[in-house]
Amino acid sequence: MASALAAAGAAVMLATLATLYWARGVPLSRTVALLPAAAACLWLSNAIRRLSLEVSAAPLDVGIARVKAAAKNVPAWVTVVAWTSFAAVALLFLYSAKLF
């Protein structure tokens, strides 16, 4: 369930950004700014999916240990997705304001 929600959230965010880029008339060459955000979302979704598969196949005590170990990566997951999304939105803003 968690991996499906992460993937759905990533897809909605990327679709929204792509729609905003299109609506604002951002040139195709500048839409490359969406690639890091897409890669970060793919990385996060894959990590959550992998963890979910590992936990569901493991006994309870092993699953708890794996979740605790993976919890140390959560700040990195969130930070990478947040910064790459910010960069994509910043480029959209700068282009729309004719600053870039």
C-alpha atoms as a PDB file:
ATOM      1  CA  MET A   1       0.000   0.000   0.000  1.00  0.00           C
ATOM      2  CA  ALA A   2       2.786   2.418   0.927  1.00  0.00           C
ATOM      3  CA  SER A   3       4.631   1.856  -2.327  1.00  0.00           C
ATOM      4  CA  ALA A   4       1.438   2.387  -4.336  1.00  0.00           C
ATOM      5  CA  LEU A   5       0.739   5.633  -2.501  1.00  0.00           C
ATOM      6  CA  ALA A   6       4.311   6.856  -3.004  1.00  0.00           C
ATOM      7  CA  ALA A   7       4.172   6.032  -6.714  1.00  0.00           C
ATOM      8  CA  ALA A   8       0.760   7.663  -7.114  1.00  0.00           C
ATOM      9  CA  GLY A   9       1.899  10.794  -5.297  1.00  0.00           C
ATOM     10  CA  ALA A  10       5.012  11.005  -7.449  1.00  0.00           C
ATOM     11  CA  ALA A  11       3.002  10.544 -10.630  1.00  0.00           C
ATOM     12  CA  VAL A  12       0.504  13.248  -9.661  1.00  0.00           C
ATOM     13  CA  MET A  13       3.279  15.684  -8.703  1.00  0.00           C
ATOM     14  CA  LEU A  14       5.182  15.112 -11.944  1.00  0.00           C
ATOM     15  CA  ALA A  15       2.011  15.338 -14.043  1.00  0.00           C
ATOM     16  CA  THR A  16       1.122  18.612 -12.329  1.00  0.00           C
ATOM     17  CA  LEU A  17       4.581  20.043 -12.936  1.00  0.00           C
ATOM     18  CA  ALA A  18       4.533  18.923 -16.581  1.00  0.00           C
ATOM     19  CA  THR A  19       1.107  20.521 -17.034  1.00  0.00           C
ATOM     20  CA  LEU A  20       2.333  23.770 -15.485  1.00  0.00           C
ATOM     21  CA  TYR A  21       5.401  23.762 -17.730  1.00  0.00           C
ATOM     22  CA  TRP A  22       3.164  23.251 -20.761  1.00  0.00           C
ATOM     23  CA  ALA A  23       0.617  25.891 -19.673  1.00  0.00           C
ATOM     24  CA  ARG A  24       3.352  28.459 -19.072  1.00  0.00           C
ATOM     25  CA  GLY A  25       4.969  27.747 -22.418  1.00  0.00           C
ATOM     26  CA  VAL A  26       8.303  26.591 -21.036  1.00  0.00           C
ATOM     27  CA  PRO A  27      10.473  25.435 -23.961  1.00  0.00           C
ATOM     28  CA  LEU A  28      11.114  21.735 -24.307  1.00  0.00           C
ATOM     29  CA  SER A  29      14.832  22.260 -23.686  1.00  0.00           C
ATOM     30  CA  ARG A  30      14.091  23.626 -20.218  1.00  0.00           C
ATOM     31  CA  THR A  31      11.755  20.806 -19.257  1.00  0.00           C
ATOM     32  CA  VAL A  32      14.910  18.821 -18.593  1.00  0.00           C
ATOM     33  CA  ALA A  33      14.578  20.288 -15.091  1.00  0.00           C
ATOM     34  CA  LEU A  34      11.856  17.703 -14.493  1.00  0.00           C
ATOM     35  CA  LEU A  35      14.279  14.803 -14.943  1.00  0.00           C
ATOM     36  CA  PRO A  36      16.017  15.082 -11.540  1.00  0.00           C
ATOM     37  CA  ALA A  37      12.638  15.260  -9.817  1.00  0.00           C
ATOM     38  CA  ALA A  38      11.434  12.230 -11.777  1.00  0.00           C
ATOM     39  CA  ALA A  39      14.612  10.322 -10.913  1.00  0.00           C
ATOM     40  CA  ALA A  40      14.255  11.210  -7.227  1.00  0.00           C
ATOM     41  CA  CYS A  41      10.622  10.086  -7.199  1.00  0.00           C
ATOM     42  CA  LEU A  42      11.555   6.851  -8.931  1.00  0.00           C
ATOM     43  CA  TRP A  43      14.358   6.253  -6.406  1.00  0.00           C
ATOM     44  CA  LEU A  44      12.027   6.905  -3.466  1.00  0.00           C
ATOM     45  CA  SER A  45       9.191   4.763  -4.832  1.00  0.00           C
ATOM     46  CA  ASN A  46      11.577   1.921  -5.605  1.00  0.00           C
ATOM     47  CA  ALA A  47      13.136   2.066  -2.123  1.00  0.00           C
ATOM     48  CA  ILE A  48       9.705   1.957  -0.462  1.00  0.00           C
ATOM     49  CA  ARG A  49       8.588  -0.905  -2.716  1.00  0.00           C
ATOM     50  CA  ARG A  50      11.753  -2.870  -1.983  1.00  0.00           C
ATOM     51  CA  LEU A  51      11.364  -2.317   1.760  1.00  0.00           C
ATOM     52  CA  SER A  52       7.719  -3.353   1.620  1.00  0.00           C
ATOM     53  CA  LEU A  53       8.604  -6.592  -0.169  1.00  0.00           C
ATOM     54  CA  GLU A  54      11.401  -7.352   2.316  1.00  0.00           C
ATOM     55  CA  VAL A  55       9.204  -6.710   5.345  1.00  0.00           C
ATOM     56  CA  SER A  56       6.252  -8.724   4.064  1.00  0.00           C
ATOM     57  CA  ALA A  57       8.481 -11.747   3.384  1.00  0.00           C
ATOM     58  CA  ALA A  58      10.289 -11.618   6.734  1.00  0.00           C
ATOM     59  CA  PRO A  59       9.252 -12.748  10.204  1.00  0.00           C
ATOM     60  CA  LEU A  60       7.911 -10.015  12.475  1.00  0.00           C
ATOM     61  CA  ASP A  61      11.103  -9.354  14.441  1.00  0.00           C
ATOM     62  CA  VAL A  62      13.243  -9.268  11.291  1.00  0.00           C
ATOM     63  CA  GLY A  63      10.709  -6.994   9.573  1.00  0.00           C
ATOM     64  CA  ILE A  64      10.780  -4.563  12.485  1.00  0.00           C
ATOM     65  CA  ALA A  65      14.581  -4.496  12.365  1.00  0.00           C
ATOM     66  CA  ARG A  66      14.528  -3.785   8.612  1.00  0.00           C
ATOM     67  CA  VAL A  67      12.046  -0.940   9.036  1.00  0.00           C
ATOM     68  CA  LYS A  68      14.188   0.576  11.796  1.00  0.00           C
ATOM     69  CA  ALA A  69      17.278   0.330   9.597  1.00  0.00           C
ATOM     70  CA  ALA A  70      15.459   1.879   6.627  1.00  0.00           C
ATOM     71  CA  ALA A  71      14.109   4.691   8.800  1.00  0.00           C
ATOM     72  CA  LYS A  72      17.598   6.178   8.820  1.00  0.00           C
ATOM     73  CA  ASN A  73      17.232   6.798   5.065  1.00  0.00           C
ATOM     74  CA  VAL A  74      13.943   8.684   5.305  1.00  0.00           C
ATOM     75  CA  PRO A  75      15.531  12.135   5.762  1.00  0.00           C
ATOM     76  CA  ALA A  76      17.630  11.581   2.631  1.00  0.00           C
ATOM     77  CA  TRP A  77      14.619  10.359   0.646  1.00  0.00           C
ATOM     78  CA  VAL A  78      12.523  13.356   1.635  1.00  0.00           C
ATOM     79  CA  THR A  79      15.343  15.862   1.145  1.00  0.00           C
ATOM     80  CA  VAL A  80      16.270  14.642  -2.336  1.00  0.00           C
ATOM     81  CA  VAL A  81      12.669  14.701  -3.553  1.00  0.00           C
ATOM     82  CA  ALA A  82      12.037  18.105  -1.955  1.00  0.00           C
ATOM     83  CA  TRP A  83      15.134  19.785  -3.412  1.00  0.00           C
ATOM     84  CA  THR A  84      14.711  18.387  -6.906  1.00  0.00           C
ATOM     85  CA  SER A  85      11.040  19.385  -6.903  1.00  0.00           C
ATOM     86  CA  PHE A  86      12.010  22.840  -5.665  1.00  0.00           C
ATOM     87  CA  ALA A  87      14.508  23.191  -8.505  1.00  0.00           C
ATOM     88  CA  ALA A  88      11.837  22.261 -11.064  1.00  0.00           C
ATOM     89  CA  VAL A  89       9.383  24.771  -9.576  1.00  0.00           C
ATOM     90  CA  ALA A  90      12.081  27.469  -9.312  1.00  0.00           C
ATOM     91  CA  LEU A  91      12.867  27.111 -13.014  1.00  0.00           C
ATOM     92  CA  LEU A  92       9.153  27.354 -13.797  1.00  0.00           C
ATOM     93  CA  PHE A  93       8.864  30.521 -11.710  1.00  0.00           C
ATOM     94  CA  LEU A  94      11.984  32.114 -13.170  1.00  0.00           C
ATOM     95  CA  TYR A  95      10.870  31.372 -16.723  1.00  0.00           C
ATOM     96  CA  SER A  96       7.311  32.590 -16.087  1.00  0.00           C
ATOM     97  CA  ALA A  97       8.603  35.812 -14.530  1.00  0.00           C
ATOM     98  CA  LYS A  98      10.915  36.256 -17.545  1.00  0.00           C
ATOM     99  CA  LEU A  99      13.929  36.199 -15.216  1.00  0.00           C
ATOM    100  CA  PHE A 100      15.513  33.179 -16.905  1.00  0.00           C
END
